[in-house]
Structures are given as structure tokens and as C-alpha cells.
Amino acid sequence: MTPRKPLDTDASHFRCVLRFTAPFHDVDMLGHVNSVAYVRWAESARAAYQIDVLKEDVDGPRGFVVGRVALSYFQPLRFRDPVSVGIRVARIGAKSFDFAYLMWRDGDGAVAAAGETAMIAYNAVEGHSIPVPDAWRDAVAEFETIPPET
């Protein structure tokens, strides 16, 4: 079995960060944020990155689709906890790239979850994968402080 690379749990590596308070509707019967909420938070972070960094509309003719989701949970978050969700591009390939995520509690910086999604560049009009646009590569190179793997 191939060893997995360690997840990035250093908040300083993430320049694109969403900040909010954990809402009640994300809390389950055990009193902590349910695991599916973290996936939704990652989705919101992706949309912010797509708009703010890649300069693409979320409903535009080109974008990306999820090929794989992997999240690891370290400690629970609870209702009204101040939350930060960081996102960065960790790898860029020919037609796909990976987003890395870090989710932590503001104040004490406790890491709640970390993970990655594999994204496939996609032509939404024609319904097929496309090469990662050069404009995205350039935007990532300009924005990120840690160069993505290739």
C-alpha cells in the first residue's frame, strides 16, 4: 500500500479563507457539526476561490467538477464556534487539479478537519473535460504562496 502524503494543517499556507460562525442547522444530535457540513463548507470555499482567484463565474461556460473528496476529522466543532475554512491549490495536472482544505476554530486555532478534492476542468456547455486553462495556472501562480505540485 502506498503511504499517503500528510495533510497540510498549517493555516498560514491558506490565503483564501472563509470565516463564519458554525450555524445550528449544521449540528447533529450529538451536539457537534456533522461531517457532511464540512463537505458543504469546502464547496463554498471552492466557489469563493473560483470567483475571487480564478475569475470565473460559478455558472459560467467553464469550471470544474469534483472527481474525489477526502476529508479527515480531528476534533469536533460546535454551534456558534467561530470557523475558518482555508483553501489552496495543492497540485495542477493537465486536465485536473487538487484543492487542499483546512478547517479550524478561530481563537485557539484548533484544527477540526483537513482534506483534498480532485477537480476536473470542465466545459459545461459541451459537457466534457478540458485542459486546465493557462489563465487559471497563471492566477494560481500569482496568488498562492506555496507553488502547487505538477
Protein backbone atom coordinates (compact mmCIF):
# COMPACT_ATOMS: atom_id res chain seq x y z
CA MET A 1 0.00 0.00 0.00
CA THR A 2 1.35 3.42 -0.96
CA PRO A 3 1.72 5.74 2.02
CA ARG A 4 -0.48 8.81 1.86
CA LYS A 5 1.13 12.20 1.95
CA PRO A 6 0.43 14.15 5.13
CA LEU A 7 -2.41 16.65 5.08
CA ASP A 8 -1.49 20.33 5.23
CA THR A 9 -2.53 21.58 8.68
CA ASP A 10 -0.62 24.88 8.66
CA ALA A 11 -3.17 27.70 8.44
CA SER A 12 -0.52 30.13 7.18
CA HIS A 13 -0.43 28.16 3.90
CA PHE A 14 -4.01 29.18 3.07
CA ARG A 15 -4.56 32.68 1.66
CA CYS A 16 -8.18 32.17 0.57
CA VAL A 17 -10.16 31.81 3.81
CA LEU A 18 -13.88 31.89 4.58
CA ARG A 19 -14.82 32.93 8.12
CA PHE A 20 -18.20 32.37 9.73
CA THR A 21 -19.92 31.06 12.85
CA ALA A 22 -20.97 27.40 12.82
CA PRO A 23 -24.74 27.50 12.24
CA PHE A 24 -27.23 25.48 14.24
CA HIS A 25 -28.50 23.63 11.15
CA ASP A 26 -25.04 22.04 10.74
CA VAL A 27 -25.16 20.48 14.23
CA ASP A 28 -26.32 16.88 14.67
CA MET A 29 -27.92 15.04 17.60
CA LEU A 30 -24.50 14.51 19.20
CA GLY A 31 -24.12 18.28 19.58
CA HIS A 32 -21.28 18.76 17.12
CA VAL A 33 -21.05 19.83 13.49
CA ASN A 34 -22.00 16.88 11.27
CA SER A 35 -19.41 15.56 8.83
CA VAL A 36 -21.50 16.47 5.79
CA ALA A 37 -21.36 20.15 6.80
CA TYR A 38 -17.59 20.17 6.30
CA VAL A 39 -18.12 18.98 2.72
CA ARG A 40 -20.60 21.82 2.13
CA TRP A 41 -18.15 24.30 3.64
CA ALA A 42 -15.46 23.03 1.25
CA GLU A 43 -17.92 23.56 -1.60
CA SER A 44 -18.45 27.18 -0.52
CA ALA A 45 -14.69 27.69 -0.33
CA ARG A 46 -14.33 26.28 -3.87
CA ALA A 47 -16.93 28.74 -5.16
CA ALA A 48 -15.10 31.64 -3.49
CA TYR A 49 -11.79 30.51 -4.99
CA GLN A 50 -13.37 30.11 -8.43
CA ILE A 51 -14.79 33.65 -8.33
CA ASP A 52 -12.07 35.52 -6.41
CA VAL A 53 -8.88 33.85 -7.63
CA LEU A 54 -9.67 32.14 -10.94
CA LYS A 55 -12.05 34.96 -12.00
CA GLU A 56 -14.67 32.50 -13.30
CA ASP A 57 -18.41 32.67 -12.66
CA VAL A 58 -19.74 29.62 -10.85
CA ASP A 59 -22.44 29.27 -13.51
CA GLY A 60 -20.20 30.12 -16.47
CA PRO A 61 -19.35 28.01 -19.53
CA ARG A 62 -16.22 26.54 -17.99
CA GLY A 63 -15.47 25.41 -14.49
CA PHE A 64 -14.67 22.18 -12.73
CA VAL A 65 -16.36 19.10 -11.34
CA VAL A 66 -15.41 17.01 -8.32
CA GLY A 67 -13.63 13.74 -9.05
CA ARG A 68 -12.78 12.74 -5.47
CA VAL A 69 -13.37 14.03 -1.94
CA ALA A 70 -11.26 13.06 1.07
CA LEU A 71 -11.63 14.66 4.50
CA SER A 72 -10.07 13.72 7.81
CA TYR A 73 -11.65 14.88 11.05
CA PHE A 74 -9.52 15.70 14.09
CA GLN A 75 -11.81 17.29 16.66
CA PRO A 76 -15.40 18.48 16.78
CA LEU A 77 -16.76 21.93 16.17
CA ARG A 78 -19.95 23.05 17.87
CA PHE A 79 -22.81 25.51 17.35
CA ARG A 80 -21.55 29.11 17.35
CA ASP A 81 -17.88 28.17 17.16
CA PRO A 82 -16.02 30.70 15.02
CA VAL A 83 -14.82 28.75 11.99
CA SER A 84 -12.24 29.37 9.26
CA VAL A 85 -12.12 27.31 6.07
CA GLY A 86 -8.91 27.69 4.09
CA ILE A 87 -8.47 26.50 0.51
CA ARG A 88 -5.48 26.37 -1.80
CA VAL A 89 -4.43 24.61 -5.00
CA ALA A 90 -2.05 21.81 -3.98
CA ARG A 91 -1.49 20.19 -7.40
CA ILE A 92 -2.09 21.05 -11.05
CA GLY A 93 -2.08 18.45 -13.82
CA ALA A 94 -3.04 18.53 -17.48
CA LYS A 95 -6.83 18.32 -17.02
CA SER A 96 -7.21 18.18 -13.25
CA PHE A 97 -6.01 19.80 -10.06
CA ASP A 98 -6.33 19.26 -6.32
CA PHE A 99 -7.68 21.68 -3.77
CA ALA A 100 -6.38 21.30 -0.21
CA TYR A 101 -8.64 22.39 2.65
CA LEU A 102 -8.09 23.23 6.29
CA MET A 103 -10.91 23.90 8.74
CA TRP A 104 -10.10 25.31 12.14
CA ARG A 105 -11.69 27.06 15.10
CA ASP A 106 -10.74 30.72 15.27
CA GLY A 107 -9.44 31.92 18.58
CA ASP A 108 -7.47 28.88 19.63
CA GLY A 109 -6.59 27.70 16.09
CA ALA A 110 -7.66 24.12 16.83
CA VAL A 111 -7.68 22.13 13.59
CA ALA A 112 -11.04 20.41 13.12
CA ALA A 113 -10.59 18.88 9.66
CA ALA A 114 -8.33 18.79 6.63
CA GLY A 115 -8.65 17.23 3.23
CA GLU A 116 -8.49 17.42 -0.53
CA THR A 117 -10.70 17.29 -3.57
CA ALA A 118 -9.58 16.25 -7.03
CA MET A 119 -11.14 18.61 -9.56
CA ILE A 120 -11.56 18.06 -13.30
CA ALA A 121 -11.55 21.13 -15.55
CA TYR A 122 -14.83 21.04 -17.44
CA ASN A 123 -16.63 22.64 -20.37
CA ALA A 124 -20.18 22.97 -19.07
CA VAL A 125 -21.64 23.88 -22.47
CA GLU A 126 -20.25 20.88 -24.35
CA GLY A 127 -20.19 18.52 -21.35
CA HIS A 128 -16.60 17.27 -21.38
CA SER A 129 -13.27 17.70 -19.63
CA ILE A 130 -10.82 20.32 -20.88
CA PRO A 131 -7.16 21.12 -20.23
CA VAL A 132 -6.66 23.33 -17.17
CA PRO A 133 -6.75 26.83 -18.71
CA ASP A 134 -3.50 28.80 -18.76
CA ALA A 135 -5.36 31.73 -17.17
CA TRP A 136 -6.09 29.52 -14.13
CA ARG A 137 -2.48 28.38 -13.93
CA ASP A 138 -1.31 31.99 -14.05
CA ALA A 139 -3.85 33.09 -11.42
CA VAL A 140 -2.81 30.27 -9.07
CA ALA A 141 0.89 31.03 -9.58
CA GLU A 142 0.28 34.69 -8.76
CA PHE A 143 -2.00 34.05 -5.76
CA GLU A 144 -0.56 31.06 -3.92
CA THR A 145 2.48 31.40 -1.64
CA ILE A 146 3.30 27.69 -1.98
CA PRO A 147 3.64 26.54 -5.60
CA PRO A 148 1.37 23.59 -6.45
CA GLU A 149 2.86 20.22 -7.32
CA THR A 150 2.74 19.39 -11.01
